[in-house]
């Protein structure tokens, strides 16, 4: 699959990735090796989608890559700059909100890809339910991770039942926004075009090339 030429927006993703890498280097220089290692892992995670989609011959929209980079950047800076503490509890909720939108977009991508490749035929309600369940499941796994880290390493990532429930509610809010966007997009007559755009951005580029070729042939006549 030949992916289309990347949009200029991809450079914004590169910029965010550079900030994460800079945070990792500054933490290591300051002797904060654990934070540096965490930021380094976050940087590698921002690279993972591009590498995976390239190896699997998929085309992930650059907007999704941007959301992934921003989500990880917010999480990294929350620890390196101490925003989780100095801007508590609002910074944590903003991070959860952006991350939930990111996860919901990934769920939409998986659903669109499955339908585009003919693996399964999904109705609009089924796609919406999948987005909501997938995002909430990811949020629940994250809360379990925080609980386990608190118990094993005696940290304070969770701040009681209220904080955990608010995190999940914010996760749900992000999922609902993406689900509503999906319902509107799939509710129009251009459902298949939207599925192809999200699961296979290259199809749009191929159609454009074909159209341009036809125009040139017509002019030559």
C-alpha atoms as a PDB file:
ATOM      1  CA  UNK A   1       0.000   0.000   0.000  1.00  0.00           C
ATOM      2  CA  UNK A   2       1.411   3.351  -1.041  1.00  0.00           C
ATOM      3  CA  UNK A   3       0.541   5.932   1.596  1.00  0.00           C
ATOM      4  CA  UNK A   4      -0.074   9.506   0.462  1.00  0.00           C
ATOM      5  CA  UNK A   5       2.563  12.172   1.001  1.00  0.00           C
ATOM      6  CA  UNK A   6       2.394  13.300   4.652  1.00  0.00           C
ATOM      7  CA  UNK A   7       0.555  16.503   5.415  1.00  0.00           C
ATOM      8  CA  UNK A   8       2.406  19.478   6.833  1.00  0.00           C
ATOM      9  CA  UNK A   9       0.626  18.712  10.084  1.00  0.00           C
ATOM     10  CA  UNK A  10       2.975  15.782  10.614  1.00  0.00           C
ATOM     11  CA  UNK A  11       5.727  18.274  11.416  1.00  0.00           C
ATOM     12  CA  UNK A  12       3.772  19.291  14.499  1.00  0.00           C
ATOM     13  CA  UNK A  13       3.969  15.669  15.612  1.00  0.00           C
ATOM     14  CA  UNK A  14       7.722  15.706  15.021  1.00  0.00           C
ATOM     15  CA  UNK A  15       7.970  18.870  17.135  1.00  0.00           C
ATOM     16  CA  UNK A  16       6.111  17.253  20.051  1.00  0.00           C
ATOM     17  CA  UNK A  17       8.325  14.183  19.765  1.00  0.00           C
ATOM     18  CA  UNK A  18      11.371  16.459  19.925  1.00  0.00           C
ATOM     19  CA  UNK A  19      10.052  18.042  23.128  1.00  0.00           C
ATOM     20  CA  UNK A  20       9.623  14.600  24.693  1.00  0.00           C
ATOM     21  CA  UNK A  21      13.161  13.636  23.730  1.00  0.00           C
ATOM     22  CA  UNK A  22      14.430  16.943  25.114  1.00  0.00           C
ATOM     23  CA  UNK A  23      12.632  16.237  28.380  1.00  0.00           C
ATOM     24  CA  UNK A  24      14.282  12.823  28.565  1.00  0.00           C
ATOM     25  CA  UNK A  25      17.750  14.299  28.009  1.00  0.00           C
ATOM     26  CA  UNK A  26      17.219  17.111  30.528  1.00  0.00           C
ATOM     27  CA  UNK A  27      16.037  14.638  33.168  1.00  0.00           C
ATOM     28  CA  UNK A  28      19.067  12.409  32.672  1.00  0.00           C
ATOM     29  CA  UNK A  29      21.377  15.455  32.805  1.00  0.00           C
ATOM     30  CA  UNK A  30      19.734  16.513  36.082  1.00  0.00           C
ATOM     31  CA  UNK A  31      20.276  13.053  37.556  1.00  0.00           C
ATOM     32  CA  UNK A  32      16.595  12.086  37.379  1.00  0.00           C
ATOM     33  CA  UNK A  33      17.303   8.792  35.666  1.00  0.00           C
ATOM     34  CA  UNK A  34      13.903   7.214  36.293  1.00  0.00           C
ATOM     35  CA  UNK A  35      12.095  10.210  34.790  1.00  0.00           C
ATOM     36  CA  UNK A  36      14.570  10.217  31.915  1.00  0.00           C
ATOM     37  CA  UNK A  37      13.924   6.544  31.281  1.00  0.00           C
ATOM     38  CA  UNK A  38      10.145   7.088  31.408  1.00  0.00           C
ATOM     39  CA  UNK A  39      10.392   9.967  28.935  1.00  0.00           C
ATOM     40  CA  UNK A  40      12.612   7.862  26.688  1.00  0.00           C
ATOM     41  CA  UNK A  41      10.047   5.067  26.685  1.00  0.00           C
ATOM     42  CA  UNK A  42       7.326   7.621  25.892  1.00  0.00           C
ATOM     43  CA  UNK A  43       9.371   8.853  22.933  1.00  0.00           C
ATOM     44  CA  UNK A  44       9.707   5.297  21.619  1.00  0.00           C
ATOM     45  CA  UNK A  45       5.962   4.818  22.013  1.00  0.00           C
ATOM     46  CA  UNK A  46       5.329   7.856  19.811  1.00  0.00           C
ATOM     47  CA  UNK A  47       7.413   6.145  17.130  1.00  0.00           C
ATOM     48  CA  UNK A  48       5.700   2.771  17.482  1.00  0.00           C
ATOM     49  CA  UNK A  49       2.515   3.548  15.492  1.00  0.00           C
ATOM     50  CA  UNK A  50       4.464   4.709  12.446  1.00  0.00           C
ATOM     51  CA  UNK A  51       6.762   1.684  12.552  1.00  0.00           C
ATOM     52  CA  UNK A  52       3.906  -0.785  13.054  1.00  0.00           C
ATOM     53  CA  UNK A  53       1.710   0.674  10.326  1.00  0.00           C
ATOM     54  CA  UNK A  54       4.685   0.751   7.956  1.00  0.00           C
ATOM     55  CA  UNK A  55       5.514  -2.901   8.587  1.00  0.00           C
ATOM     56  CA  UNK A  56       1.857  -3.901   8.305  1.00  0.00           C
ATOM     57  CA  UNK A  57       1.410  -1.712   5.217  1.00  0.00           C
ATOM     58  CA  UNK A  58      -1.212   0.490   6.848  1.00  0.00           C
ATOM     59  CA  UNK A  59      -1.705   4.239   6.628  1.00  0.00           C
ATOM     60  CA  UNK A  60      -2.472   5.807   9.995  1.00  0.00           C
ATOM     61  CA  UNK A  61      -3.875   9.353   9.671  1.00  0.00           C
ATOM     62  CA  UNK A  62      -1.362  11.929  10.873  1.00  0.00           C
ATOM     63  CA  UNK A  63      -3.978  13.408  13.207  1.00  0.00           C
ATOM     64  CA  UNK A  64      -3.991  10.185  15.217  1.00  0.00           C
ATOM     65  CA  UNK A  65      -0.198  10.245  15.432  1.00  0.00           C
ATOM     66  CA  UNK A  66      -0.431  13.823  16.698  1.00  0.00           C
ATOM     67  CA  UNK A  67      -2.913  12.883  19.431  1.00  0.00           C
ATOM     68  CA  UNK A  68      -0.646  10.016  20.507  1.00  0.00           C
ATOM     69  CA  UNK A  69       2.353  12.350  20.745  1.00  0.00           C
ATOM     70  CA  UNK A  70       0.415  15.034  22.644  1.00  0.00           C
ATOM     71  CA  UNK A  71      -1.017  12.492  25.102  1.00  0.00           C
ATOM     72  CA  UNK A  72       2.410  11.114  25.933  1.00  0.00           C
ATOM     73  CA  UNK A  73       3.930  14.601  26.106  1.00  0.00           C
ATOM     74  CA  UNK A  74       1.324  15.727  28.648  1.00  0.00           C
ATOM     75  CA  UNK A  75       1.995  12.636  30.738  1.00  0.00           C
ATOM     76  CA  UNK A  76       5.773  13.093  30.587  1.00  0.00           C
ATOM     77  CA  UNK A  77       5.650  16.789  31.490  1.00  0.00           C
ATOM     78  CA  UNK A  78       3.221  16.043  34.295  1.00  0.00           C
ATOM     79  CA  UNK A  79       6.038  14.151  36.017  1.00  0.00           C
ATOM     80  CA  UNK A  80       9.124  16.042  34.824  1.00  0.00           C
ATOM     81  CA  UNK A  81       7.723  19.531  35.462  1.00  0.00           C
ATOM     82  CA  UNK A  82       5.597  18.433  38.410  1.00  0.00           C
ATOM     83  CA  UNK A  83       2.324  19.581  36.821  1.00  0.00           C
ATOM     84  CA  UNK A  84       0.477  16.619  38.292  1.00  0.00           C
ATOM     85  CA  UNK A  85       1.159  18.159  41.717  1.00  0.00           C
ATOM     86  CA  UNK A  86       1.282  21.916  41.073  1.00  0.00           C
ATOM     87  CA  UNK A  87      -1.807  21.913  38.848  1.00  0.00           C
ATOM     88  CA  UNK A  88      -3.700  19.150  40.635  1.00  0.00           C
ATOM     89  CA  UNK A  89      -6.296  17.901  40.030  1.00  0.00           C
ATOM     90  CA  UNK A  90      -6.991  19.754  36.771  1.00  0.00           C
ATOM     91  CA  UNK A  91      -3.855  18.738  34.876  1.00  0.00           C
ATOM     92  CA  UNK A  92      -4.527  15.066  35.507  1.00  0.00           C
ATOM     93  CA  UNK A  93      -8.081  15.401  34.164  1.00  0.00           C
ATOM     94  CA  UNK A  94      -6.914  17.224  31.029  1.00  0.00           C
ATOM     95  CA  UNK A  95      -4.368  14.460  30.428  1.00  0.00           C
ATOM     96  CA  UNK A  96      -7.036  11.801  30.853  1.00  0.00           C
ATOM     97  CA  UNK A  97      -9.357  13.682  28.491  1.00  0.00           C
ATOM     98  CA  UNK A  98      -6.786  13.976  25.703  1.00  0.00           C
ATOM     99  CA  UNK A  99      -5.657  10.379  26.210  1.00  0.00           C
ATOM    100  CA  UNK A 100      -9.237   9.080  26.065  1.00  0.00           C
ATOM    101  CA  UNK A 101      -9.815  10.884  22.765  1.00  0.00           C
ATOM    102  CA  UNK A 102      -6.608   9.316  21.463  1.00  0.00           C
ATOM    103  CA  UNK A 103      -7.661   5.808  22.503  1.00  0.00           C
ATOM    104  CA  UNK A 104     -11.137   6.352  21.038  1.00  0.00           C
ATOM    105  CA  UNK A 105      -9.608   7.423  17.712  1.00  0.00           C
ATOM    106  CA  UNK A 106      -7.477   4.281  17.711  1.00  0.00           C
ATOM    107  CA  UNK A 107     -10.632   2.230  18.334  1.00  0.00           C
ATOM    108  CA  UNK A 108     -12.299   3.987  15.401  1.00  0.00           C
ATOM    109  CA  UNK A 109      -9.264   3.249  13.242  1.00  0.00           C
ATOM    110  CA  UNK A 110      -9.389  -0.456  14.134  1.00  0.00           C
ATOM    111  CA  UNK A 111     -13.121  -0.670  13.450  1.00  0.00           C
ATOM    112  CA  UNK A 112     -12.804   1.186  10.138  1.00  0.00           C
ATOM    113  CA  UNK A 113      -9.849  -0.981   9.124  1.00  0.00           C
ATOM    114  CA  UNK A 114     -11.722  -4.203   9.936  1.00  0.00           C
ATOM    115  CA  UNK A 115     -14.694  -3.136   7.831  1.00  0.00           C
ATOM    116  CA  UNK A 116     -12.579  -1.759   5.002  1.00  0.00           C
ATOM    117  CA  UNK A 117     -10.677  -5.046   4.672  1.00  0.00           C
ATOM    118  CA  UNK A 118     -13.836  -7.098   4.834  1.00  0.00           C
ATOM    119  CA  UNK A 119     -13.060  -8.848   8.119  1.00  0.00           C
ATOM    120  CA  UNK A 120     -16.450  -7.927   9.552  1.00  0.00           C
ATOM    121  CA  UNK A 121     -19.469  -5.858   8.642  1.00  0.00           C
ATOM    122  CA  UNK A 122     -20.154  -3.342  11.404  1.00  0.00           C
ATOM    123  CA  UNK A 123     -23.265  -1.273  11.832  1.00  0.00           C
ATOM    124  CA  UNK A 124     -22.968   2.302  13.080  1.00  0.00           C
ATOM    125  CA  UNK A 125     -24.273   1.397  16.587  1.00  0.00           C
ATOM    126  CA  UNK A 126     -21.757  -1.462  16.758  1.00  0.00           C
ATOM    127  CA  UNK A 127     -18.865   0.871  15.938  1.00  0.00           C
ATOM    128  CA  UNK A 128     -20.051   3.392  18.531  1.00  0.00           C
ATOM    129  CA  UNK A 129     -20.346   0.700  21.215  1.00  0.00           C
ATOM    130  CA  UNK A 130     -16.898  -0.613  20.320  1.00  0.00           C
ATOM    131  CA  UNK A 131     -15.394   2.878  20.700  1.00  0.00           C
ATOM    132  CA  UNK A 132     -17.028   3.393  24.104  1.00  0.00           C
ATOM    133  CA  UNK A 133     -16.159  -0.064  25.462  1.00  0.00           C
ATOM    134  CA  UNK A 134     -12.600  -0.017  24.094  1.00  0.00           C
ATOM    135  CA  UNK A 135     -11.875   3.403  25.617  1.00  0.00           C
ATOM    136  CA  UNK A 136     -13.381   2.605  28.998  1.00  0.00           C
ATOM    137  CA  UNK A 137     -11.531  -0.722  29.087  1.00  0.00           C
ATOM    138  CA  UNK A 138      -8.239   1.072  28.412  1.00  0.00           C
ATOM    139  CA  UNK A 139      -9.071   3.570  31.174  1.00  0.00           C
ATOM    140  CA  UNK A 140      -9.818   0.740  33.601  1.00  0.00           C
ATOM    141  CA  UNK A 141      -6.517  -0.981  32.749  1.00  0.00           C
ATOM    142  CA  UNK A 142      -4.679   2.289  33.412  1.00  0.00           C
ATOM    143  CA  UNK A 143      -6.333   2.640  36.829  1.00  0.00           C
ATOM    144  CA  UNK A 144      -5.367  -0.939  37.664  1.00  0.00           C
ATOM    145  CA  UNK A 145      -1.790  -0.107  36.622  1.00  0.00           C
ATOM    146  CA  UNK A 146      -1.728   2.935  38.933  1.00  0.00           C
ATOM    147  CA  UNK A 147      -3.137   0.863  41.794  1.00  0.00           C
ATOM    148  CA  UNK A 148      -0.499  -1.840  41.269  1.00  0.00           C
ATOM    149  CA  UNK A 149       2.340   0.707  41.154  1.00  0.00           C
ATOM    150  CA  UNK A 150       1.082   2.336  44.364  1.00  0.00           C
ATOM    151  CA  UNK A 151       0.988  -1.024  46.121  1.00  0.00           C
ATOM    152  CA  UNK A 152       4.350  -2.311  44.885  1.00  0.00           C
ATOM    153  CA  UNK A 153       6.436   0.880  44.951  1.00  0.00           C
ATOM    154  CA  UNK A 154       4.555   2.725  47.713  1.00  0.00           C
ATOM    155  CA  UNK A 155       3.734   5.681  45.459  1.00  0.00           C
ATOM    156  CA  UNK A 156       0.700   7.956  45.389  1.00  0.00           C
ATOM    157  CA  UNK A 157      -0.621   7.867  41.838  1.00  0.00           C
ATOM    158  CA  UNK A 158      -4.206   7.344  42.939  1.00  0.00           C
ATOM    159  CA  UNK A 159      -5.903   9.694  45.369  1.00  0.00           C
ATOM    160  CA  UNK A 160      -8.870   7.737  46.541  1.00  0.00           C
ATOM    161  CA  UNK A 161     -12.075   6.389  45.040  1.00  0.00           C
ATOM    162  CA  UNK A 162     -13.375   9.816  43.986  1.00  0.00           C
ATOM    163  CA  UNK A 163     -10.258  10.570  41.961  1.00  0.00           C
ATOM    164  CA  UNK A 164     -10.425   7.182  40.228  1.00  0.00           C
ATOM    165  CA  UNK A 165     -14.126   7.574  39.390  1.00  0.00           C
ATOM    166  CA  UNK A 166     -13.572  11.090  38.023  1.00  0.00           C
ATOM    167  CA  UNK A 167     -10.767   9.774  35.833  1.00  0.00           C
ATOM    168  CA  UNK A 168     -13.107   7.148  34.375  1.00  0.00           C
ATOM    169  CA  UNK A 169     -15.864   9.719  33.858  1.00  0.00           C
ATOM    170  CA  UNK A 170     -13.425  11.963  31.972  1.00  0.00           C
ATOM    171  CA  UNK A 171     -12.372   8.930  29.914  1.00  0.00           C
ATOM    172  CA  UNK A 172     -16.021   8.339  29.076  1.00  0.00           C
ATOM    173  CA  UNK A 173     -16.460  11.985  28.055  1.00  0.00           C
ATOM    174  CA  UNK A 174     -13.596  11.743  25.559  1.00  0.00           C
ATOM    175  CA  UNK A 175     -15.021   8.511  24.158  1.00  0.00           C
ATOM    176  CA  UNK A 176     -18.486  10.057  23.792  1.00  0.00           C
ATOM    177  CA  UNK A 177     -17.085  12.980  21.790  1.00  0.00           C
ATOM    178  CA  UNK A 178     -15.377  10.646  19.304  1.00  0.00           C
ATOM    179  CA  UNK A 179     -18.469   8.408  19.219  1.00  0.00           C
ATOM    180  CA  UNK A 180     -20.699  11.397  18.395  1.00  0.00           C
ATOM    181  CA  UNK A 181     -18.293  12.486  15.657  1.00  0.00           C
ATOM    182  CA  UNK A 182     -18.365   8.948  14.270  1.00  0.00           C
ATOM    183  CA  UNK A 183     -22.168   8.762  14.384  1.00  0.00           C
ATOM    184  CA  UNK A 184     -22.463  12.015  12.451  1.00  0.00           C
ATOM    185  CA  UNK A 185     -19.862  10.974   9.876  1.00  0.00           C
ATOM    186  CA  UNK A 186     -21.318   7.497   9.342  1.00  0.00           C
ATOM    187  CA  UNK A 187     -24.861   8.827   9.329  1.00  0.00           C
ATOM    188  CA  UNK A 188     -24.271  10.619   6.047  1.00  0.00           C
ATOM    189  CA  UNK A 189     -24.498   9.020   2.635  1.00  0.00           C
ATOM    190  CA  UNK A 190     -20.689   8.995   2.293  1.00  0.00           C
ATOM    191  CA  UNK A 191     -20.173   6.200   4.832  1.00  0.00           C
ATOM    192  CA  UNK A 192     -17.855   4.120   2.643  1.00  0.00           C
ATOM    193  CA  UNK A 193     -15.829   7.172   1.685  1.00  0.00           C
ATOM    194  CA  UNK A 194     -15.314   7.999   5.364  1.00  0.00           C
ATOM    195  CA  UNK A 195     -14.316   4.401   6.139  1.00  0.00           C
ATOM    196  CA  UNK A 196     -11.771   4.444   3.314  1.00  0.00           C
ATOM    197  CA  UNK A 197     -10.424   7.825   4.386  1.00  0.00           C
ATOM    198  CA  UNK A 198      -9.873   6.706   7.967  1.00  0.00           C
ATOM    199  CA  UNK A 199      -8.700   3.141   7.309  1.00  0.00           C
ATOM    200  CA  UNK A 200      -6.907   3.729   4.011  1.00  0.00           C
ATOM    201  CA  UNK A 201      -5.882   7.364   3.408  1.00  0.00           C
ATOM    202  CA  UNK A 202      -3.995   6.213   0.320  1.00  0.00           C
ATOM    203  CA  UNK A 203      -7.281   5.554  -1.483  1.00  0.00           C
ATOM    204  CA  UNK A 204      -8.001   9.264  -1.571  1.00  0.00           C
ATOM    205  CA  UNK A 205      -4.592   9.944  -3.084  1.00  0.00           C
ATOM    206  CA  UNK A 206      -5.096   7.210  -5.686  1.00  0.00           C
ATOM    207  CA  UNK A 207      -8.476   8.629  -6.680  1.00  0.00           C
ATOM    208  CA  UNK A 208      -6.932  12.053  -7.048  1.00  0.00           C
ATOM    209  CA  UNK A 209      -4.164  10.668  -9.254  1.00  0.00           C
ATOM    210  CA  UNK A 210      -6.703   8.874 -11.452  1.00  0.00           C
ATOM    211  CA  UNK A 211      -8.780  12.024 -11.773  1.00  0.00           C
ATOM    212  CA  UNK A 212      -5.733  14.080 -12.706  1.00  0.00           C
ATOM    213  CA  UNK A 213      -4.740  11.453 -15.293  1.00  0.00           C
ATOM    214  CA  UNK A 214      -8.179  11.583 -16.875  1.00  0.00           C
ATOM    215  CA  UNK A 215      -8.069  15.382 -16.995  1.00  0.00           C
ATOM    216  CA  UNK A 216      -4.656  15.315 -18.672  1.00  0.00           C
ATOM    217  CA  UNK A 217      -5.870  12.759 -21.221  1.00  0.00           C
ATOM    218  CA  UNK A 218      -8.916  14.881 -21.970  1.00  0.00           C
ATOM    219  CA  UNK A 219      -6.743  17.940 -22.489  1.00  0.00           C
ATOM    220  CA  UNK A 220      -4.424  15.975 -24.775  1.00  0.00           C
ATOM    221  CA  UNK A 221      -7.360  15.148 -27.003  1.00  0.00           C
END
